[in-house]
Amino acid sequence: MLNLSTRHDFHTLLDSLTLREANEQPAVIYLSVEAEPVTVSRAEFVRSITGYGAALRGMGIQPRDLVIIAHTQDLESVFAFWGALTIGAIPSMFPTLTEKLDSQIYIANITELVALSNVRAVLTTDEFAPALAEHVVCPVYGSGALLGSLDEKALFTLYMPDEDEIAFLQHSSGTTGLQKGVALTHRAVLNQLASYSTAIALNESDVIVSWLPLYHDMGLIAGFLLPLVQGVPLVMMSPFEWVKSPAMLFRAIDQYHGTLCWLPNFAYNHCARRIRQRDLEGLSAASMRMFINCSEPVYAESHALFAERFAPLGVKPEMLAVSYAMAENTFAVTQTPPGETPHHDMINRVLLQSDLRAEPVEADHPNAVVKVSCGKPIAGVSVRVVDAEGMPLPERSVGEIAIQSDSMLTGYYMRPDLNSLRDGWYLTGDRGYIADGEVYIVGRSKDLIINAGKNVYPQDIEAIVNGVQGVHAGRAVVFGVPDEREGTELIAVVAEVDTEDAEARKRITQGIRQAVAQGSTVTLNYVHLVDAKWLIKTSSGKIARQATRTAYLEGALTRVETPGA
């Protein structure tokens, strides 16, 4: 397997064990609610991606051409991505258009990307291909056109890239354009996979279970490339089906003896609160080594809720690990060691807000707040915390997280106007601190609210609001509103609710205000309730805090509530 000691045996992603050893061992097992599982052996995987590669080449795709893959997530996405790699094209996974995304914004984003990045072709669904083709200057191929061109028996010569050639792009998500393509070389990706596999002690007995979208770095690297390069089975399901039937995850773990699974923080709450007890009868999760929390701020309450809810299935606290990751570093920056529970740092939240210091206090201190460690940096990665001038800060001082590694991006694809590094360090935009060598994240620089001299991180307030009964789970956003009279930023909450009853909404509003007052040191100035599916989202399905804030400042929100004291 690829790890730090065998790194010299691997030169490109096409040296993956799944491709090297084309046998009958399972490469991918695809699960669906409405169909029988589909098991793809390594040999079948090689035949399929060879056929897709031949089809793409028949469509005129050449080495170094950028190909956007915007299918509904299924085996077609998997085969198209690897098929593009086999002919030397540069694939990039994108979300497909769904009912949760505004079609006009989505088309505008892809149109902008095609123009900026010289996209050679877009692969998408048959339903969406005609509409998109009217707006972009490159060819758009629906599933039917691609499948009709497959030829698994075609004479085929595997492209042999250089280690420092771009392997693929990971695109940032957003609401104002998807133009930031994170360009990653074969060398950088292999360095990451070697270091990260060592950090999680990956072995031949592992089975990775994932519902994560492939257009996100956590899904693409941990839940897709890692198992296929390493030759461990990947049990895969659609994120759209998982969110509706989260018990799918535990059924898959039980049936296929899953050992590793990556989850954003909201998924711990979603599973604990949405899975019915009868859907867990007879299941076991005792095979699991780690559920790894990644991509969102980590909350101790979410881990505790998950561990208690699924303890009868064999879930133990030491299975709940954390990783801090980002596309610009290919994926992982840090990782909790296997078999260890993440460290909890009890600090003074008042000093965190006023002095930007993470000062330790006892658990019974009136201003105590717990922060969850993301672990120490993995091999090949250095982390430091810097001030506004880029100067390193001492331990327990809050500043911007900066990283340096051997798995860093080459740059943003065809965007020379975007400077990604400062003196060899990538400034992440995340704010946090280091204590005893471990990294703690407290929020994003661009989202920070300065209220009456206090530094308020909206994620912490959102976590409180999302726990209020009547608020649609995971559908609350907090941001600052400039106030010239007060000379500071006021704090606003916009939350989705499922009721239109005026009295019920009044109770929810009061509940939000009370919960925030009791659970933090701030007072909300505005609380606005909106209907379900109202909040603006990014292309990856996350709440777009800044876009919602802009809509508020421009008066686009229906102001349900009046300012509070």
Protein backbone atom coordinates (compact mmCIF):
# COMPACT_ATOMS: atom_id res chain seq x y z
CA MET A 1 0.00 0.00 0.00
CA LEU A 2 0.97 3.62 -0.43
CA ASN A 3 2.38 5.06 2.79
CA LEU A 4 5.42 7.06 3.84
CA SER A 5 7.74 4.05 3.53
CA THR A 6 6.47 3.01 0.06
CA ARG A 7 5.97 6.47 -1.43
CA HIS A 8 8.88 5.98 -3.88
CA ASP A 9 7.00 3.08 -5.54
CA PHE A 10 4.20 5.36 -6.75
CA HIS A 11 4.72 8.01 -9.43
CA THR A 12 1.19 8.96 -10.55
CA LEU A 13 -2.38 8.19 -9.58
CA LEU A 14 -2.46 5.64 -12.40
CA ASP A 15 -0.12 3.49 -10.27
CA SER A 16 -3.06 2.84 -7.95
CA LEU A 17 -3.39 -0.65 -6.54
CA THR A 18 -6.88 -0.99 -8.01
CA LEU A 19 -5.42 -0.51 -11.50
CA ARG A 20 -2.21 -2.47 -10.85
CA GLU A 21 -3.98 -5.56 -9.54
CA ALA A 22 -7.02 -5.97 -11.80
CA ASN A 23 -8.55 -8.96 -10.05
CA GLU A 24 -11.99 -9.93 -8.77
CA GLN A 25 -11.66 -8.16 -5.42
CA PRO A 26 -14.32 -5.45 -4.97
CA ALA A 27 -13.24 -1.94 -5.92
CA VAL A 28 -16.59 -0.13 -5.52
CA ILE A 29 -19.90 -1.25 -4.06
CA TYR A 30 -22.65 1.19 -5.00
CA LEU A 31 -25.78 1.24 -2.84
CA SER A 32 -29.21 2.65 -3.65
CA VAL A 33 -32.50 2.67 -1.80
CA GLU A 34 -34.47 1.54 -4.83
CA ALA A 35 -32.07 -0.96 -6.42
CA GLU A 36 -29.88 -3.91 -5.54
CA PRO A 37 -26.25 -3.19 -4.64
CA VAL A 38 -23.85 -3.07 -7.57
CA THR A 39 -20.42 -4.56 -6.90
CA VAL A 40 -17.66 -3.55 -9.31
CA SER A 41 -14.55 -5.71 -9.13
CA ARG A 42 -11.12 -4.25 -9.79
CA ALA A 43 -11.07 -5.97 -13.19
CA GLU A 44 -14.50 -4.55 -14.06
CA PHE A 45 -13.37 -1.13 -12.82
CA VAL A 46 -10.36 -1.18 -15.16
CA ARG A 47 -12.53 -2.25 -18.12
CA SER A 48 -15.11 0.45 -17.37
CA ILE A 49 -12.68 3.36 -17.03
CA THR A 50 -10.83 2.17 -20.14
CA GLY A 51 -14.12 2.29 -22.05
CA TYR A 52 -14.90 5.76 -20.72
CA GLY A 53 -11.40 6.94 -21.59
CA ALA A 54 -11.80 5.65 -25.14
CA ALA A 55 -15.19 7.37 -25.43
CA LEU A 56 -13.75 10.69 -24.25
CA ARG A 57 -10.86 10.41 -26.66
CA GLY A 58 -13.34 9.63 -29.43
CA MET A 59 -15.07 12.91 -28.58
CA GLY A 60 -11.83 14.77 -29.23
CA ILE A 61 -10.64 15.13 -25.61
CA GLN A 62 -6.85 15.48 -25.54
CA PRO A 63 -4.24 15.35 -22.77
CA ARG A 64 -4.34 18.50 -20.58
CA ASP A 65 -7.93 19.31 -21.61
CA LEU A 66 -10.15 20.31 -18.68
CA VAL A 67 -13.32 18.21 -18.40
CA ILE A 68 -16.14 19.12 -16.00
CA ILE A 69 -18.14 16.17 -14.63
CA ALA A 70 -21.56 17.30 -13.38
CA HIS A 71 -23.56 14.09 -13.24
CA THR A 72 -25.94 12.92 -10.58
CA GLN A 73 -23.48 11.14 -8.29
CA ASP A 74 -23.33 7.48 -9.33
CA LEU A 75 -20.95 5.00 -10.94
CA GLU A 76 -20.97 7.05 -14.14
CA SER A 77 -19.28 9.89 -12.26
CA VAL A 78 -16.66 7.49 -10.92
CA PHE A 79 -15.86 5.96 -14.30
CA ALA A 80 -15.83 9.31 -16.12
CA PHE A 81 -13.35 10.83 -13.64
CA TRP A 82 -10.90 7.95 -13.84
CA GLY A 83 -11.49 7.58 -17.58
CA ALA A 84 -10.36 11.17 -18.02
CA LEU A 85 -7.23 10.46 -15.97
CA THR A 86 -6.33 7.51 -18.20
CA ILE A 87 -6.13 9.74 -21.29
CA GLY A 88 -4.31 12.58 -19.53
CA ALA A 89 -7.27 14.96 -19.38
CA ILE A 90 -7.84 17.06 -16.24
CA PRO A 91 -11.16 16.09 -14.62
CA SER A 92 -13.06 18.20 -12.10
CA MET A 93 -16.17 17.07 -10.24
CA PHE A 94 -19.08 19.50 -10.00
CA PRO A 95 -22.47 19.36 -8.36
CA THR A 96 -25.32 18.64 -10.71
CA LEU A 97 -28.34 20.93 -10.83
CA THR A 98 -30.89 19.99 -8.17
CA GLU A 99 -34.05 21.54 -6.79
CA LYS A 100 -31.96 23.07 -3.98
CA LEU A 101 -29.92 25.18 -6.42
CA ASP A 102 -31.12 28.18 -8.40
CA SER A 103 -30.89 27.11 -12.06
CA GLN A 104 -30.06 30.61 -13.33
CA ILE A 105 -27.22 31.06 -10.82
CA TYR A 106 -25.95 27.55 -11.50
CA ILE A 107 -25.86 28.06 -15.28
CA ALA A 108 -24.25 31.47 -14.86
CA ASN A 109 -21.54 29.96 -12.64
CA ILE A 110 -20.67 27.18 -15.08
CA THR A 111 -20.79 29.60 -18.02
CA GLU A 112 -18.31 31.84 -16.21
CA LEU A 113 -16.08 28.89 -15.38
CA VAL A 114 -16.04 27.59 -18.95
CA ALA A 115 -14.92 31.00 -20.17
CA LEU A 116 -12.31 31.57 -17.44
CA SER A 117 -10.77 28.10 -17.43
CA ASN A 118 -10.99 27.10 -21.09
CA VAL A 119 -13.10 24.04 -20.33
CA ARG A 120 -12.96 21.53 -23.17
CA ALA A 121 -16.21 19.67 -22.39
CA VAL A 122 -18.94 19.32 -19.77
CA LEU A 123 -20.39 15.91 -18.95
CA THR A 124 -23.83 16.11 -17.34
CA THR A 125 -27.28 14.53 -17.27
CA ASP A 126 -29.42 14.04 -20.37
CA GLU A 127 -32.09 16.28 -18.83
CA PHE A 128 -29.78 19.22 -18.20
CA ALA A 129 -27.44 18.99 -21.21
CA PRO A 130 -29.66 20.85 -23.75
CA ALA A 131 -30.27 23.82 -21.42
CA LEU A 132 -26.59 24.17 -20.53
CA ALA A 133 -25.47 23.81 -24.15
CA GLU A 134 -27.34 27.01 -25.00
CA HIS A 135 -25.07 29.04 -22.70
CA VAL A 136 -21.53 27.62 -22.84
CA VAL A 137 -19.01 27.71 -25.66
CA CYS A 138 -17.71 24.16 -25.19
CA PRO A 139 -19.46 20.87 -26.07
CA VAL A 140 -21.93 19.49 -23.50
CA TYR A 141 -22.50 15.73 -23.43
CA GLY A 142 -25.41 14.05 -21.72
CA SER A 143 -25.15 10.56 -20.24
CA GLY A 144 -26.72 8.98 -23.32
CA ALA A 145 -24.10 10.41 -25.66
CA LEU A 146 -21.26 9.23 -23.46
CA LEU A 147 -22.68 5.77 -22.83
CA GLY A 148 -23.37 5.35 -26.55
CA SER A 149 -19.68 5.89 -27.27
CA LEU A 150 -18.29 3.36 -24.78
CA ASP A 151 -16.06 0.63 -26.13
CA GLU A 152 -14.34 -1.45 -23.48
CA LYS A 153 -12.56 -3.47 -26.20
CA ALA A 154 -11.07 -0.48 -28.00
CA LEU A 155 -7.31 -0.43 -28.49
CA PHE A 156 -6.11 1.83 -25.76
CA THR A 157 -2.78 3.27 -24.69
CA LEU A 158 -2.63 4.51 -21.10
CA TYR A 159 -1.36 8.09 -20.85
CA MET A 160 1.83 8.32 -18.81
CA PRO A 161 1.91 11.71 -17.05
CA ASP A 162 4.79 13.37 -15.32
CA GLU A 163 4.56 13.53 -11.52
CA ASP A 164 4.37 17.30 -11.63
CA GLU A 165 1.56 17.48 -14.18
CA ILE A 166 -1.84 18.61 -12.92
CA ALA A 167 -3.91 15.51 -12.13
CA PHE A 168 -7.28 17.16 -11.45
CA LEU A 169 -8.94 20.27 -10.09
CA GLN A 170 -10.96 20.74 -6.94
CA HIS A 171 -13.23 23.74 -7.40
CA SER A 172 -14.25 25.99 -4.57
CA SER A 173 -17.96 26.37 -3.97
CA GLY A 174 -19.73 29.68 -3.88
CA THR A 175 -22.70 31.76 -4.96
CA THR A 176 -20.88 34.28 -7.13
CA GLY A 177 -18.97 31.96 -9.46
CA LEU A 178 -17.04 28.71 -9.38
CA GLN A 179 -13.87 30.07 -10.87
CA LYS A 180 -11.29 29.04 -8.23
CA GLY A 181 -9.97 25.73 -9.48
CA VAL A 182 -7.46 24.26 -7.03
CA ALA A 183 -4.83 22.66 -9.27
CA LEU A 184 -3.25 19.53 -7.76
CA THR A 185 -0.36 17.56 -9.26
CA HIS A 186 0.08 13.81 -9.12
CA ARG A 187 3.03 14.37 -6.78
CA ALA A 188 1.03 16.49 -4.34
CA VAL A 189 -1.89 14.05 -4.23
CA LEU A 190 0.35 11.02 -3.71
CA ASN A 191 2.25 12.85 -0.95
CA GLN A 192 -1.06 13.56 0.76
CA LEU A 193 -2.36 10.01 0.42
CA ALA A 194 0.91 8.58 1.75
CA SER A 195 1.00 10.88 4.77
CA TYR A 196 -2.70 10.61 5.53
CA SER A 197 -2.80 6.82 5.14
CA THR A 198 0.02 6.64 7.67
CA ALA A 199 -1.78 9.02 10.03
CA ILE A 200 -4.96 6.89 10.07
CA ALA A 201 -3.02 3.59 9.98
CA LEU A 202 -4.81 2.50 6.80
CA ASN A 203 -4.45 -1.24 6.16
CA GLU A 204 -5.66 -3.93 3.79
CA SER A 205 -8.52 -4.89 6.12
CA ASP A 206 -10.12 -1.45 5.96
CA VAL A 207 -13.45 -0.79 4.25
CA ILE A 208 -14.40 2.83 3.57
CA VAL A 209 -18.09 3.76 3.65
CA SER A 210 -19.08 7.13 2.17
CA TRP A 211 -22.13 9.13 1.11
CA LEU A 212 -20.09 12.31 0.65
CA PRO A 213 -20.42 14.36 -2.56
CA LEU A 214 -17.46 13.95 -4.91
CA TYR A 215 -17.29 17.68 -5.67
CA HIS A 216 -16.09 18.34 -2.11
CA ASP A 217 -12.49 17.61 -1.05
CA MET A 218 -13.57 15.32 1.80
CA GLY A 219 -15.67 13.20 -0.53
CA LEU A 220 -13.26 13.31 -3.47
CA ILE A 221 -10.07 12.48 -1.56
CA ALA A 222 -11.07 10.51 1.55
CA GLY A 223 -14.24 8.95 0.17
CA PHE A 224 -13.11 8.25 -3.40
CA LEU A 225 -9.45 8.55 -4.41
CA LEU A 226 -8.00 7.16 -1.17
CA PRO A 227 -9.73 3.76 -1.34
CA LEU A 228 -9.25 3.33 -5.10
CA VAL A 229 -5.57 4.24 -5.04
CA GLN A 230 -5.01 2.04 -1.99
CA GLY A 231 -7.05 -0.88 -3.23
CA VAL A 232 -9.42 -1.04 -0.26
CA PRO A 233 -13.14 -1.51 -0.91
CA LEU A 234 -15.27 1.63 -1.24
CA VAL A 235 -18.93 1.32 -0.24
CA MET A 236 -20.58 4.33 -1.84
CA MET A 237 -24.06 5.87 -1.82
CA SER A 238 -25.76 9.01 -3.08
CA PRO A 239 -25.69 12.00 -0.70
CA PHE A 240 -29.28 12.77 -1.73
CA GLU A 241 -30.46 9.32 -0.71
CA TRP A 242 -28.43 9.35 2.51
CA VAL A 243 -29.86 12.63 3.75
CA LYS A 244 -33.38 11.23 3.31
CA SER A 245 -32.51 7.80 4.74
CA PRO A 246 -29.49 8.25 7.04
CA ALA A 247 -29.87 4.70 8.39
CA MET A 248 -28.34 3.63 5.04
CA LEU A 249 -24.96 4.43 6.54
CA PHE A 250 -25.31 2.02 9.44
CA ARG A 251 -26.81 -0.72 7.28
CA ALA A 252 -23.80 -0.41 4.97
CA ILE A 253 -21.36 -0.48 7.90
CA ASP A 254 -23.06 -3.58 9.27
CA GLN A 255 -23.33 -5.47 5.97
CA TYR A 256 -19.85 -4.71 4.64
CA HIS A 257 -17.99 -4.42 7.97
CA GLY A 258 -17.03 -0.79 7.41
CA THR A 259 -14.06 0.58 9.31
CA LEU A 260 -13.66 4.22 8.20
CA CYS A 261 -16.17 6.98 7.51
CA TRP A 262 -15.77 10.75 7.16
CA LEU A 263 -18.63 13.03 8.22
CA PRO A 264 -19.22 16.79 8.52
CA ASN A 265 -20.34 17.83 11.99
CA PHE A 266 -24.02 18.25 11.04
CA ALA A 267 -24.17 14.56 10.05
CA TYR A 268 -23.59 13.46 13.66
CA ASN A 269 -26.70 15.38 14.73
CA HIS A 270 -28.64 14.32 11.64
CA CYS A 271 -28.01 10.64 12.28
CA ALA A 272 -28.68 10.85 16.01
CA ARG A 273 -31.96 12.72 15.61
CA ARG A 274 -33.38 11.37 12.35
CA ILE A 275 -32.69 7.64 12.43
CA ARG A 276 -35.56 5.66 13.90
CA GLN A 277 -34.82 2.95 16.43
CA ARG A 278 -36.59 0.31 14.36
CA ASP A 279 -34.22 1.02 11.47
CA LEU A 280 -31.26 0.03 13.66
CA GLU A 281 -32.59 -3.28 14.91
CA GLY A 282 -30.01 -6.05 14.53
CA LEU A 283 -27.27 -3.73 13.21
CA SER A 284 -23.71 -3.43 14.50
CA ALA A 285 -21.07 -0.73 14.05
CA ALA A 286 -18.47 -2.58 16.11
CA SER A 287 -16.26 -3.02 13.01
CA MET A 288 -15.62 0.72 12.81
CA ARG A 289 -12.20 2.14 13.61
CA MET A 290 -13.02 5.81 13.10
CA PHE A 291 -15.83 8.21 12.28
CA ILE A 292 -13.78 11.26 11.29
CA ASN A 293 -15.34 14.71 11.77
CA CYS A 294 -14.19 17.11 9.07
CA SER A 295 -15.07 20.17 6.93
CA GLU A 296 -17.14 22.04 9.54
CA PRO A 297 -16.45 23.42 13.03
CA VAL A 298 -16.48 20.47 15.43
CA TYR A 299 -18.72 20.53 18.51
CA ALA A 300 -18.25 18.29 21.54
CA GLU A 301 -22.03 18.16 21.96
CA SER A 302 -22.42 16.55 18.53
CA HIS A 303 -19.91 13.83 19.37
CA ALA A 304 -21.56 13.18 22.72
CA LEU A 305 -25.02 12.96 21.14
CA PHE A 306 -23.77 10.55 18.45
CA ALA A 307 -21.84 8.36 20.88
CA GLU A 308 -24.79 8.03 23.27
CA ARG A 309 -27.34 7.38 20.53
CA PHE A 310 -25.33 4.63 18.82
CA ALA A 311 -23.58 3.08 21.80
CA PRO A 312 -25.93 0.06 21.59
CA LEU A 313 -24.48 -0.59 18.10
CA GLY A 314 -20.95 -0.66 19.46
CA VAL A 315 -19.94 2.95 18.82
CA LYS A 316 -17.31 4.05 21.35
CA PRO A 317 -15.99 7.56 22.11
CA GLU A 318 -12.51 6.62 20.85
CA MET A 319 -14.02 5.96 17.40
CA LEU A 320 -14.89 9.65 17.05
CA ALA A 321 -11.89 11.41 15.52
CA VAL A 322 -11.30 14.82 13.91
CA SER A 323 -9.41 16.09 10.87
CA TYR A 324 -8.83 19.67 9.73
CA ALA A 325 -8.65 19.71 5.95
CA MET A 326 -8.90 21.88 2.86
CA ALA A 327 -8.77 21.50 -0.91
CA GLU A 328 -5.68 23.72 -1.18
CA ASN A 329 -3.70 21.10 0.77
CA THR A 330 -5.28 18.29 -1.28
CA PHE A 331 -7.11 17.29 1.90
CA ALA A 332 -5.92 16.67 5.47
CA VAL A 333 -3.83 19.12 7.48
CA THR A 334 -4.26 17.39 10.85
CA GLN A 335 -5.69 14.17 12.25
CA THR A 336 -6.60 12.63 15.61
CA PRO A 337 -4.51 9.45 16.06
CA PRO A 338 -6.47 6.19 15.76
CA GLY A 339 -7.83 4.88 19.05
CA GLU A 340 -7.61 8.24 20.82
CA THR A 341 -10.43 10.60 21.68
CA PRO A 342 -9.92 14.20 20.52
CA HIS A 343 -8.63 16.51 23.24
CA HIS A 344 -11.14 18.95 24.72
CA ASP A 345 -9.71 22.34 25.61
CA MET A 346 -11.71 24.19 28.26
CA ILE A 347 -11.07 27.91 27.82
CA ASN A 348 -12.41 31.28 28.93
CA ARG A 349 -14.85 32.44 26.23
CA VAL A 350 -14.75 36.05 27.44
CA LEU A 351 -10.97 36.28 26.96
CA LEU A 352 -11.32 34.47 23.64
CA GLN A 353 -13.62 37.25 22.44
CA SER A 354 -11.93 40.24 24.03
CA ASP A 355 -8.22 39.38 24.06
CA LEU A 356 -8.02 36.74 21.32
CA ARG A 357 -6.46 34.37 23.85
CA ALA A 358 -7.40 30.75 24.54
CA GLU A 359 -6.90 30.83 28.31
CA PRO A 360 -7.47 27.46 30.06
CA VAL A 361 -10.05 27.34 32.87
CA GLU A 362 -11.71 24.65 34.94
CA ALA A 363 -14.90 23.08 33.63
CA ASP A 364 -16.99 24.73 36.35
CA HIS A 365 -15.74 28.24 35.53
CA PRO A 366 -18.72 30.53 34.72
CA ASN A 367 -17.18 31.52 31.36
CA ALA A 368 -15.93 28.08 30.37
CA VAL A 369 -16.40 26.91 26.80
CA VAL A 370 -15.00 23.75 25.25
CA LYS A 371 -13.08 23.63 21.97
CA VAL A 372 -12.37 20.31 20.26
CA SER A 373 -8.87 19.58 18.99
CA CYS A 374 -8.37 18.77 15.31
CA GLY A 375 -5.22 16.84 16.19
CA LYS A 376 -1.61 17.46 15.25
CA PRO A 377 -0.37 18.10 11.70
CA ILE A 378 0.21 14.99 9.59
CA ALA A 379 3.66 14.23 8.17
CA GLY A 380 4.81 16.72 5.56
CA VAL A 381 2.59 19.53 6.88
CA SER A 382 3.60 22.49 9.06
CA VAL A 383 1.05 24.77 10.74
CA ARG A 384 1.43 28.12 12.42
CA VAL A 385 -0.86 30.92 13.60
CA VAL A 386 -0.13 34.41 12.28
CA ASP A 387 -1.31 37.96 12.89
CA ALA A 388 -2.65 40.40 10.30
CA GLU A 389 0.93 41.10 9.07
CA GLY A 390 1.70 37.41 8.69
CA MET A 391 3.95 37.24 11.75
CA PRO A 392 3.84 34.04 13.86
CA LEU A 393 1.93 34.21 17.14
CA PRO A 394 2.71 32.29 20.34
CA GLU A 395 0.73 29.29 21.55
CA ARG A 396 -2.86 29.98 22.60
CA SER A 397 -3.00 33.26 20.68
CA VAL A 398 -5.84 33.39 18.17
CA GLY A 399 -4.97 34.39 14.62
CA GLU A 400 -5.09 33.11 11.06
CA ILE A 401 -4.05 29.52 10.39
CA ALA A 402 -1.20 29.25 7.87
CA ILE A 403 0.08 26.00 6.41
CA GLN A 404 3.06 24.77 4.42
CA SER A 405 3.29 21.26 2.99
CA ASP A 406 4.39 18.91 0.23
CA SER A 407 0.77 18.33 -0.84
CA MET A 408 -0.05 21.96 -1.56
CA LEU A 409 -1.84 23.25 -4.64
CA THR A 410 0.20 24.39 -7.63
CA GLY A 411 -2.04 27.43 -7.86
CA TYR A 412 -5.55 28.38 -8.89
CA TYR A 413 -6.08 27.11 -12.42
CA MET A 414 -5.76 29.88 -15.03
CA ARG A 415 -6.14 32.52 -12.31
CA PRO A 416 -2.76 34.28 -12.06
CA ASP A 417 -4.60 37.17 -10.40
CA LEU A 418 -5.16 35.02 -7.31
CA ASN A 419 -2.02 34.71 -5.18
CA SER A 420 -2.38 31.64 -3.02
CA LEU A 421 0.88 31.79 -1.04
CA ARG A 422 2.77 34.31 1.10
CA ASP A 423 6.46 33.47 1.55
CA GLY A 424 5.68 29.83 0.87
CA TRP A 425 2.80 29.68 3.37
CA TYR A 426 -0.85 29.32 2.45
CA LEU A 427 -3.13 31.62 4.46
CA THR A 428 -6.28 29.60 5.03
CA GLY A 429 -8.70 32.32 6.14
CA ASP A 430 -9.51 30.15 9.16
CA ARG A 431 -8.95 31.52 12.64
CA GLY A 432 -7.68 29.36 15.44
CA TYR A 433 -4.87 28.63 17.88
CA ILE A 434 -2.31 25.96 18.72
CA ALA A 435 -2.00 24.38 22.17
CA ASP A 436 0.47 21.59 22.99
CA GLY A 437 1.07 21.17 19.27
CA GLU A 438 -2.60 20.54 18.48
CA VAL A 439 -4.70 22.74 16.20
CA TYR A 440 -8.01 24.30 17.29
CA ILE A 441 -10.28 26.12 14.84
CA VAL A 442 -12.63 28.85 16.07
CA GLY A 443 -14.07 30.31 12.85
CA ARG A 444 -13.50 32.05 9.52
CA SER A 445 -11.83 35.46 9.31
CA LYS A 446 -14.36 36.79 6.82
CA ASP A 447 -17.27 35.73 9.06
CA LEU A 448 -15.97 37.25 12.29
CA ILE A 449 -18.40 39.66 13.98
CA ILE A 450 -17.00 42.40 16.20
CA ASN A 451 -19.78 43.32 18.60
CA ALA A 452 -19.04 45.91 21.30
CA GLY A 453 -15.38 44.91 21.32
CA LYS A 454 -16.11 41.18 21.44
CA ASN A 455 -14.97 38.84 18.68
CA VAL A 456 -18.02 36.70 17.95
CA TYR A 457 -17.77 33.58 15.79
CA PRO A 458 -21.12 32.99 14.09
CA GLN A 459 -20.71 29.21 13.97
CA ASP A 460 -20.93 29.05 17.75
CA ILE A 461 -24.18 31.03 17.81
CA GLU A 462 -25.60 28.99 14.93
CA ALA A 463 -24.94 25.80 16.86
CA ILE A 464 -27.08 27.16 19.71
CA VAL A 465 -29.88 28.34 17.41
CA ASN A 466 -30.00 25.00 15.58
CA GLY A 467 -30.80 23.31 18.86
CA VAL A 468 -33.94 25.40 19.46
CA GLN A 469 -37.16 23.47 18.97
CA GLY A 470 -39.00 24.66 15.87
CA VAL A 471 -35.90 25.71 13.93
CA HIS A 472 -35.32 23.60 10.83
CA ALA A 473 -32.20 21.60 11.73
CA GLY A 474 -29.04 23.08 10.23
CA ARG A 475 -30.93 25.98 8.69
CA ALA A 476 -29.84 28.99 10.73
CA VAL A 477 -27.31 31.64 9.78
CA VAL A 478 -25.73 34.37 11.92
CA PHE A 479 -23.96 37.50 10.66
CA GLY A 480 -23.06 41.02 11.67
CA VAL A 481 -25.03 44.12 10.66
CA PRO A 482 -23.17 47.47 10.72
CA ASP A 483 -24.83 50.09 12.92
CA GLU A 484 -23.50 53.64 12.64
CA ARG A 485 -25.42 54.89 15.65
CA GLU A 486 -24.00 52.20 17.93
CA GLY A 487 -20.61 52.27 16.20
CA THR A 488 -20.40 48.49 16.15
CA GLU A 489 -21.84 45.44 14.47
CA LEU A 490 -25.20 44.18 15.64
CA ILE A 491 -25.92 40.46 15.55
CA ALA A 492 -28.63 39.08 13.29
CA VAL A 493 -30.06 35.57 12.99
CA VAL A 494 -32.03 34.26 10.05
CA ALA A 495 -33.61 30.87 10.71
CA GLU A 496 -35.84 28.62 8.65
CA VAL A 497 -38.94 27.24 10.36
CA ASP A 498 -41.63 24.82 9.22
CA THR A 499 -44.64 26.65 10.60
CA GLU A 500 -46.56 29.70 9.43
CA ASP A 501 -48.52 30.08 12.65
CA ALA A 502 -47.84 33.53 14.12
CA GLU A 503 -47.97 32.42 17.76
CA ALA A 504 -45.69 29.47 17.10
CA ARG A 505 -43.19 31.76 15.37
CA LYS A 506 -43.29 34.13 18.30
CA ARG A 507 -42.44 31.27 20.66
CA ILE A 508 -39.58 30.16 18.41
CA THR A 509 -38.21 33.70 18.31
CA GLN A 510 -38.29 33.92 22.09
CA GLY A 511 -36.68 30.52 22.36
CA ILE A 512 -33.84 31.59 20.07
CA ARG A 513 -33.18 34.76 22.06
CA GLN A 514 -33.24 32.91 25.38
CA ALA A 515 -31.03 30.07 24.20
CA VAL A 516 -28.36 32.44 22.85
CA ALA A 517 -28.46 34.61 25.98
CA GLN A 518 -28.01 31.54 28.18
CA GLY A 519 -25.43 29.80 26.01
CA SER A 520 -23.14 32.70 25.11
CA THR A 521 -22.02 36.16 26.20
CA VAL A 522 -23.88 38.01 23.43
CA THR A 523 -27.40 39.31 22.93
CA LEU A 524 -29.13 39.01 19.59
CA ASN A 525 -30.25 42.25 17.98
CA TYR A 526 -32.34 40.79 15.17
CA VAL A 527 -34.13 37.47 14.77
CA HIS A 528 -35.77 36.79 11.41
CA LEU A 529 -37.78 33.69 10.64
CA VAL A 530 -38.22 32.54 7.06
CA ASP A 531 -39.85 29.62 5.30
CA ALA A 532 -38.12 26.30 4.63
CA LYS A 533 -35.61 26.25 1.73
CA TRP A 534 -35.39 30.05 1.81
CA LEU A 535 -31.75 30.50 2.80
CA ILE A 536 -29.19 30.99 0.05
CA LYS A 537 -26.84 28.03 -0.40
CA THR A 538 -23.51 27.45 -2.06
CA SER A 539 -23.20 24.96 -4.90
CA SER A 540 -22.06 22.33 -2.38
CA GLY A 541 -25.24 22.75 -0.33
CA LYS A 542 -23.84 24.76 2.58
CA ILE A 543 -25.54 27.89 3.87
CA ALA A 544 -23.98 30.91 2.15
CA ARG A 545 -23.51 33.23 5.11
CA GLN A 546 -22.09 36.18 3.21
CA ALA A 547 -24.66 35.97 0.41
CA THR A 548 -27.49 35.86 2.93
CA ARG A 549 -25.95 38.81 4.76
CA THR A 550 -25.75 40.75 1.48
CA ALA A 551 -29.39 39.95 0.75
CA TYR A 552 -30.32 41.26 4.18
CA LEU A 553 -28.35 44.49 3.77
CA GLU A 554 -29.97 45.03 0.37
CA GLY A 555 -33.40 44.60 1.91
CA ALA A 556 -34.16 41.31 0.15
CA LEU A 557 -35.28 39.56 3.33
CA THR A 558 -38.81 39.73 4.60
CA ARG A 559 -38.21 41.24 8.01
CA VAL A 560 -40.40 39.16 10.27
CA GLU A 561 -39.06 40.45 13.55
CA THR A 562 -38.06 43.87 14.84
CA PRO A 563 -34.74 44.70 16.50
CA GLY A 564 -34.29 43.56 20.06
CA ALA A 565 -32.46 45.21 22.88
